[in-house]
Amino acid sequence: MDFGLSEEQELLQETLRSFIARDCPPTRLREIFDADAGHDPAHWNALVEMGVAGLVIPEAYGGAGLELLDLALVAEVLGEGAFPSPFFGHSLASLAIVLGGSDAQKESWLPRLASGDVLGTIAFGEGDESWDPSAWQMRRVDEKLTGMKGYVPHANVADLIVVGLAGGELALVERSAEGVKLEAIDAVDRTRPLYKLSLDAVVAEVLAVAAASRVRDAGLVLLAADAFGSASKLVEMSVEYAKTRQQFGQVIGQFQAVKHQLADMTTAIEPARGLFWHAAYAFDHLPDEAERGAALAKAHLTDVFMQTARDAVEAHGGIGFTWESDVQIWFKRAMFDRAFLGTPPGHRERAATLAGW
């Protein structure tokens, strides 16, 4: 049995890596990060041209018809580059319609999401910890929604927002609809800006199938993949810094304590690759394992990413604590990945419950 990636999957990742290295090097990334822009429209258009926007949308609607694992492999590379884009919210909005939309809803939205003519995002969180569909309180009354959703990624540039409702239902809201109000949140990760969404008797269309839990699980897998790619990048940055930074007349990479720290960082992250691979595969092929696999992957990988970010700051010494160091960009990304869609302790508790413990 082959446990590796296919040639097509490896080519997809290498194409993305080359694009990011060419079009969004650290200097350009810093410009976007410091400007608090959240993304560069030209970069998003390039991803659309590469087919990323429609990766899991069926071919019948203009997409590539691939699986969650392929989407997770994209998330891994975007994490490596701390790439600022609306990929995460758009992918989950598209998947929500793929999984829960009626034939008419799919026909109306999927071709435009795949082509990039429409940009989507999700609005799930309510309050501080209400990420789970069972905790959602918003309901549709007379085909309209009234209430608030917090932490909506890239809501300012989205055309379509998939809103989570009580009972695990999902509803489609157009950002341009009357009664929609956005308020920027001062979030730490400037590559993925967040907004508070307020709805006042906004016309909404409920998806045909209640697919919120499935979409949530897909989101957990994508965050785990992003965390893996990001943590791997921090290890690479720390190793390169240790090769050049000198103290007491020699590079710090020759010090035994630094060698041990870098080795510990590497051995913590690399074995975790299989967690998000398995969770992504289970999503499409092993339904009995999918929910628990997604919870465990998100919990472990985002925790590892957070610890790797702390270690990377230490490995860079005094400069690692400053705005001038690029490490801070990935450190803030770690904070986003750990918190969004629920923190590791909550997902470990849910995984234990699913296992019957």
Protein backbone atom coordinates (compact mmCIF):
# COMPACT_ATOMS: atom_id res chain seq x y z
CA MET A 1 0.00 0.00 0.00
CA ASP A 2 1.30 3.45 -0.94
CA PHE A 3 1.03 5.96 1.89
CA GLY A 4 2.64 8.80 -0.06
CA LEU A 5 1.16 11.54 -2.18
CA SER A 6 0.36 11.12 -5.85
CA GLU A 7 2.40 12.89 -8.51
CA GLU A 8 -0.51 15.27 -9.07
CA GLN A 9 -0.68 16.17 -5.38
CA GLU A 10 3.07 16.76 -5.20
CA LEU A 11 2.88 18.92 -8.32
CA LEU A 12 0.04 20.94 -6.79
CA GLN A 13 2.11 21.70 -3.70
CA GLU A 14 5.28 22.52 -5.64
CA THR A 15 3.36 24.84 -7.96
CA LEU A 16 1.96 26.71 -4.98
CA ARG A 17 5.35 26.90 -3.28
CA SER A 18 6.93 28.35 -6.38
CA PHE A 19 4.14 30.89 -6.75
CA ILE A 20 4.40 32.04 -3.13
CA ALA A 21 8.19 32.27 -3.26
CA ARG A 22 7.97 34.39 -6.40
CA ASP A 23 4.93 36.59 -5.74
CA CYS A 24 4.77 36.79 -1.94
CA PRO A 25 8.31 36.71 -0.52
CA PRO A 26 8.83 37.94 3.06
CA THR A 27 9.13 41.57 1.93
CA ARG A 28 5.72 41.50 0.21
CA LEU A 29 4.20 39.49 3.04
CA ARG A 30 5.33 42.14 5.50
CA GLU A 31 3.78 44.90 3.40
CA ILE A 32 0.41 43.16 3.46
CA PHE A 33 0.76 42.27 7.14
CA ASP A 34 1.75 45.78 8.23
CA ALA A 35 -0.98 47.38 6.10
CA ASP A 36 -3.60 45.18 7.78
CA ALA A 37 -5.00 44.44 4.32
CA GLY A 38 -5.58 40.72 4.85
CA HIS A 39 -4.85 39.79 1.26
CA ASP A 40 -3.78 40.96 -2.17
CA PRO A 41 -6.56 40.61 -4.81
CA ALA A 42 -3.94 39.77 -7.44
CA HIS A 43 -2.73 36.86 -5.32
CA TRP A 44 -6.27 35.54 -4.92
CA ASN A 45 -6.87 35.81 -8.65
CA ALA A 46 -3.71 33.77 -9.22
CA LEU A 47 -4.99 31.05 -6.88
CA VAL A 48 -8.29 31.06 -8.77
CA GLU A 49 -6.44 30.61 -12.06
CA MET A 50 -4.61 27.63 -10.54
CA GLY A 51 -7.98 26.06 -9.70
CA VAL A 52 -7.65 26.40 -5.93
CA ALA A 53 -11.01 28.19 -5.54
CA GLY A 54 -12.90 25.22 -6.99
CA LEU A 55 -10.74 22.36 -5.83
CA VAL A 56 -13.52 20.40 -4.07
CA ILE A 57 -16.36 21.66 -6.26
CA PRO A 58 -17.61 18.91 -8.64
CA GLU A 59 -16.50 19.08 -12.25
CA ALA A 60 -20.12 19.48 -13.33
CA TYR A 61 -20.07 22.92 -11.72
CA GLY A 62 -16.69 24.02 -13.03
CA GLY A 63 -14.50 22.71 -10.21
CA ALA A 64 -11.80 20.05 -10.01
CA GLY A 65 -13.90 17.50 -8.10
CA LEU A 66 -11.08 16.59 -5.71
CA GLU A 67 -11.19 15.58 -2.05
CA LEU A 68 -10.50 17.20 1.30
CA LEU A 69 -6.97 15.81 1.38
CA ASP A 70 -6.13 17.85 -1.71
CA LEU A 71 -7.59 20.94 -0.07
CA ALA A 72 -5.56 20.21 3.09
CA LEU A 73 -2.36 19.96 1.06
CA VAL A 74 -3.04 23.46 -0.25
CA ALA A 75 -3.64 24.67 3.32
CA GLU A 76 -0.29 23.19 4.36
CA VAL A 77 1.62 25.17 1.73
CA LEU A 78 -0.30 28.38 2.44
CA GLY A 79 0.63 27.92 6.10
CA GLU A 80 4.30 27.55 5.18
CA GLY A 81 4.19 30.94 3.51
CA ALA A 82 1.79 32.53 6.02
CA PHE A 83 0.02 33.40 2.79
CA PRO A 84 -2.64 36.11 3.27
CA SER A 85 -5.75 35.01 1.39
CA PRO A 86 -9.47 34.24 1.89
CA PHE A 87 -8.80 30.58 1.01
CA PHE A 88 -10.03 29.14 4.32
CA GLY A 89 -13.47 30.75 4.45
CA HIS A 90 -14.03 30.39 0.71
CA SER A 91 -13.21 26.68 0.75
CA LEU A 92 -15.58 25.96 3.63
CA ALA A 93 -18.39 28.03 2.09
CA SER A 94 -17.99 26.10 -1.17
CA LEU A 95 -17.94 22.78 0.67
CA ALA A 96 -21.07 23.72 2.61
CA ILE A 97 -23.02 24.11 -0.63
CA VAL A 98 -21.48 20.94 -2.09
CA LEU A 99 -22.59 18.96 0.98
CA GLY A 100 -25.86 20.69 1.84
CA GLY A 101 -27.14 22.57 -1.16
CA SER A 102 -30.14 21.63 -3.26
CA ASP A 103 -29.67 21.12 -6.98
CA ALA A 104 -30.89 24.67 -7.58
CA GLN A 105 -28.54 26.12 -4.93
CA LYS A 106 -25.59 24.24 -6.36
CA GLU A 107 -26.40 25.39 -9.87
CA SER A 108 -26.75 28.98 -8.69
CA TRP A 109 -23.60 29.29 -6.56
CA LEU A 110 -20.98 26.63 -7.26
CA PRO A 111 -19.96 27.70 -10.78
CA ARG A 112 -19.41 31.27 -9.55
CA LEU A 113 -17.49 30.12 -6.49
CA ALA A 114 -15.28 27.89 -8.64
CA SER A 115 -14.55 30.68 -11.13
CA GLY A 116 -13.83 33.22 -8.40
CA ASP A 117 -16.67 35.48 -9.53
CA VAL A 118 -18.10 35.00 -6.02
CA LEU A 119 -15.97 34.88 -2.89
CA GLY A 120 -17.41 33.02 0.09
CA THR A 121 -16.80 32.73 3.81
CA ILE A 122 -18.38 31.23 6.94
CA ALA A 123 -20.00 32.73 10.04
CA PHE A 124 -20.10 30.07 12.77
CA GLY A 125 -18.90 31.43 16.11
CA GLU A 126 -21.29 32.95 18.64
CA GLY A 127 -19.76 34.51 21.73
CA ASP A 128 -16.38 33.27 22.91
CA GLU A 129 -16.72 29.49 22.82
CA SER A 130 -19.88 28.71 20.84
CA TRP A 131 -18.22 27.08 17.85
CA ASP A 132 -20.05 23.76 17.97
CA PRO A 133 -23.27 23.56 15.92
CA SER A 134 -25.12 22.21 18.97
CA ALA A 135 -24.47 25.54 20.74
CA TRP A 136 -25.69 27.87 18.00
CA GLN A 137 -28.71 29.97 18.88
CA MET A 138 -29.47 31.95 15.73
CA ARG A 139 -32.76 30.97 14.06
CA ARG A 140 -34.56 31.97 10.90
CA VAL A 141 -37.92 33.67 11.46
CA ASP A 142 -40.13 34.38 8.45
CA GLU A 143 -37.17 33.53 6.18
CA LYS A 144 -35.09 36.26 7.81
CA LEU A 145 -32.15 36.24 10.23
CA THR A 146 -31.55 38.56 13.16
CA GLY A 147 -28.58 38.26 15.48
CA MET A 148 -24.80 38.38 15.68
CA LYS A 149 -21.95 36.14 14.62
CA GLY A 150 -18.38 36.77 15.67
CA TYR A 151 -15.02 36.02 14.09
CA VAL A 152 -16.02 35.89 10.42
CA PRO A 153 -12.83 35.61 8.29
CA HIS A 154 -12.42 38.01 5.36
CA ALA A 155 -16.05 39.09 5.62
CA ASN A 156 -15.16 42.48 4.15
CA VAL A 157 -14.32 40.99 0.74
CA ALA A 158 -16.80 38.09 0.73
CA ASP A 159 -19.85 38.16 -1.48
CA LEU A 160 -21.55 35.16 0.13
CA ILE A 161 -21.62 34.24 3.82
CA VAL A 162 -22.64 30.79 5.06
CA VAL A 163 -24.23 31.34 8.46
CA GLY A 164 -24.60 28.61 11.09
CA LEU A 165 -28.07 28.24 12.63
CA ALA A 166 -29.56 26.33 15.54
CA GLY A 167 -30.00 22.65 14.85
CA GLY A 168 -26.97 22.44 12.59
CA GLU A 169 -28.63 24.21 9.68
CA LEU A 170 -26.71 26.50 7.35
CA ALA A 171 -28.08 29.57 5.60
CA LEU A 172 -26.82 31.68 2.71
CA VAL A 173 -26.58 35.43 3.19
CA GLU A 174 -25.34 37.90 0.62
CA ARG A 175 -23.07 40.57 2.09
CA SER A 176 -24.80 43.23 0.01
CA ALA A 177 -28.23 42.36 1.46
CA GLU A 178 -30.13 44.97 3.43
CA GLY A 179 -29.57 44.64 7.18
CA VAL A 180 -26.02 43.23 6.99
CA LYS A 181 -23.45 45.10 9.06
CA LEU A 182 -19.77 44.33 9.56
CA GLU A 183 -17.44 45.51 12.30
CA ALA A 184 -13.70 44.86 12.14
CA ILE A 185 -12.16 42.98 15.06
CA ASP A 186 -8.63 43.86 16.20
CA ALA A 187 -7.32 40.32 15.70
CA VAL A 188 -3.68 39.26 16.03
CA ASP A 189 -3.29 37.46 12.69
CA ARG A 190 -3.32 40.14 10.02
CA THR A 191 -3.14 37.57 7.23
CA ARG A 192 -6.68 36.45 8.13
CA PRO A 193 -8.72 39.46 9.33
CA LEU A 194 -11.88 38.82 11.36
CA TYR A 195 -15.18 40.67 11.52
CA LYS A 196 -18.29 40.72 13.67
CA LEU A 197 -21.38 40.12 11.56
CA SER A 198 -24.66 41.72 12.64
CA LEU A 199 -27.90 40.74 10.91
CA ASP A 200 -31.13 42.70 11.19
CA ALA A 201 -34.04 40.92 9.52
CA VAL A 202 -31.79 39.80 6.66
CA VAL A 203 -33.28 37.61 3.96
CA ALA A 204 -31.56 34.20 4.02
CA GLU A 205 -31.86 30.92 2.18
CA VAL A 206 -31.39 27.72 4.22
CA LEU A 207 -29.43 24.91 2.62
CA ALA A 208 -31.38 21.77 1.84
CA VAL A 209 -29.31 19.48 4.10
CA ALA A 210 -28.05 20.26 7.62
CA ALA A 211 -24.32 19.81 7.00
CA ALA A 212 -22.82 22.07 9.67
CA SER A 213 -20.95 19.34 11.56
CA ARG A 214 -19.34 18.08 8.39
CA VAL A 215 -18.25 21.56 7.36
CA ARG A 216 -16.93 22.18 10.88
CA ASP A 217 -14.88 18.97 10.67
CA ALA A 218 -13.44 20.02 7.31
CA GLY A 219 -12.46 23.33 8.88
CA LEU A 220 -10.65 21.53 11.70
CA VAL A 221 -8.66 19.51 9.18
CA LEU A 222 -7.69 22.62 7.20
CA LEU A 223 -6.53 24.37 10.38
CA ALA A 224 -4.50 21.29 11.34
CA ALA A 225 -2.88 21.26 7.88
CA ASP A 226 -2.14 24.98 8.10
CA ALA A 227 -0.58 24.44 11.53
CA PHE A 228 1.62 21.65 10.21
CA GLY A 229 2.90 23.73 7.30
CA SER A 230 3.42 26.78 9.47
CA ALA A 231 5.27 24.90 12.20
CA SER A 232 7.50 23.25 9.60
CA LYS A 233 8.38 26.69 8.27
CA LEU A 234 9.32 27.91 11.75
CA VAL A 235 11.66 24.95 12.18
CA GLU A 236 13.28 25.79 8.84
CA MET A 237 13.64 29.47 9.81
CA SER A 238 15.17 28.56 13.16
CA VAL A 239 17.68 26.18 11.59
CA GLU A 240 18.76 28.79 9.04
CA TYR A 241 19.11 31.43 11.76
CA ALA A 242 21.22 29.06 13.86
CA LYS A 243 23.57 28.61 10.91
CA THR A 244 24.31 32.33 10.61
CA ARG A 245 23.90 33.92 14.05
CA GLN A 246 27.23 34.10 15.91
CA GLN A 247 27.99 34.30 19.61
CA PHE A 248 31.38 34.00 21.30
CA GLY A 249 33.02 33.71 17.90
CA GLN A 250 31.02 30.79 16.54
CA VAL A 251 27.59 30.18 15.02
CA ILE A 252 24.97 29.26 17.63
CA GLY A 253 24.06 26.12 15.69
CA GLN A 254 27.24 24.54 17.07
CA PHE A 255 26.01 24.86 20.66
CA GLN A 256 24.63 21.60 22.00
CA ALA A 257 21.64 23.23 23.71
CA VAL A 258 20.57 24.84 20.43
CA LYS A 259 20.99 21.55 18.56
CA HIS A 260 18.77 19.81 21.11
CA GLN A 261 16.12 22.52 20.85
CA LEU A 262 16.00 22.33 17.05
CA ALA A 263 15.90 18.53 17.16
CA ASP A 264 13.01 18.61 19.63
CA MET A 265 11.09 21.02 17.41
CA THR A 266 11.56 18.75 14.39
CA THR A 267 10.62 15.52 16.15
CA ALA A 268 7.49 17.14 17.58
CA ILE A 269 6.05 18.28 14.25
CA GLU A 270 7.12 15.79 11.56
CA PRO A 271 5.38 12.66 12.99
CA ALA A 272 2.14 14.65 13.21
CA ARG A 273 1.83 14.86 9.41
CA GLY A 274 -0.13 11.61 9.39
CA LEU A 275 -2.76 13.07 11.70
CA PHE A 276 -4.11 15.57 9.21
CA TRP A 277 -3.57 13.20 6.27
CA HIS A 278 -5.67 10.54 8.01
CA ALA A 279 -8.32 13.01 9.14
CA ALA A 280 -8.67 14.38 5.61
CA TYR A 281 -8.86 10.87 4.12
CA ALA A 282 -11.39 9.77 6.73
CA PHE A 283 -13.60 12.75 5.90
CA ASP A 284 -14.25 11.32 2.43
CA HIS A 285 -13.79 7.59 2.98
CA LEU A 286 -14.15 6.60 6.66
CA PRO A 287 -17.30 8.28 8.01
CA ASP A 288 -17.16 6.45 11.35
CA GLU A 289 -13.69 7.89 12.05
CA ALA A 290 -14.05 11.30 10.44
CA GLU A 291 -15.37 13.43 13.30
CA ARG A 292 -12.98 12.11 15.93
CA GLY A 293 -10.04 12.21 13.51
CA ALA A 294 -10.69 15.86 12.70
CA ALA A 295 -10.94 16.79 16.38
CA LEU A 296 -7.69 15.04 17.29
CA ALA A 297 -5.79 16.47 14.33
CA LYS A 298 -6.86 20.01 15.13
CA ALA A 299 -6.17 19.66 18.85
CA HIS A 300 -2.72 18.13 18.55
CA LEU A 301 -1.33 20.02 15.56
CA THR A 302 -2.39 23.48 16.71
CA ASP A 303 -0.91 22.78 20.15
CA VAL A 304 2.34 21.62 18.54
CA PHE A 305 2.35 24.71 16.32
CA MET A 306 1.92 26.98 19.33
CA GLN A 307 4.81 25.34 21.17
CA THR A 308 6.97 25.42 18.03
CA ALA A 309 6.28 29.14 17.71
CA ARG A 310 7.42 29.70 21.30
CA ASP A 311 10.56 27.64 20.67
CA ALA A 312 11.26 29.55 17.45
CA VAL A 313 11.15 32.85 19.33
CA GLU A 314 13.65 31.49 21.83
CA ALA A 315 15.87 30.09 19.06
CA HIS A 316 16.04 33.55 17.49
CA GLY A 317 17.08 35.12 20.77
CA GLY A 318 16.31 38.79 21.46
CA ILE A 319 15.36 39.58 17.86
CA GLY A 320 12.67 36.88 18.03
CA PHE A 321 10.64 38.98 20.46
CA THR A 322 10.50 42.00 18.16
CA TRP A 323 8.31 43.27 15.34
CA GLU A 324 11.37 43.24 13.07
CA SER A 325 11.54 39.44 13.19
CA ASP A 326 9.36 37.51 10.74
CA VAL A 327 8.79 34.88 13.44
CA GLN A 328 6.04 37.08 14.91
CA ILE A 329 3.92 36.60 11.76
CA TRP A 330 3.81 32.81 12.22
CA PHE A 331 3.47 33.15 16.00
CA LYS A 332 0.26 35.12 15.48
CA ARG A 333 -0.89 32.58 12.92
CA ALA A 334 -0.43 29.92 15.61
CA MET A 335 -2.74 31.85 17.93
CA PHE A 336 -5.42 31.97 15.21
CA ASP A 337 -5.16 28.27 14.35
CA ARG A 338 -5.34 27.23 17.99
CA ALA A 339 -8.42 29.32 18.83
CA PHE A 340 -10.54 29.28 15.66
CA LEU A 341 -13.35 26.68 15.65
CA GLY A 342 -12.54 25.75 19.24
CA THR A 343 -9.44 25.23 21.38
CA PRO A 344 -7.55 21.92 21.79
CA PRO A 345 -8.95 21.04 25.26
CA GLY A 346 -12.51 21.23 23.96
CA HIS A 347 -11.75 19.04 20.95
CA ARG A 348 -9.88 16.49 23.06
CA GLU A 349 -12.88 16.26 25.36
CA ARG A 350 -15.16 15.79 22.33
CA ALA A 351 -12.83 13.14 20.89
CA ALA A 352 -12.92 11.26 24.20
CA THR A 353 -16.72 11.39 24.22
CA LEU A 354 -16.88 10.12 20.63
CA ALA A 355 -14.60 7.24 21.64
CA GLY A 356 -16.96 6.33 24.49
CA TRP A 357 -14.47 7.13 27.22
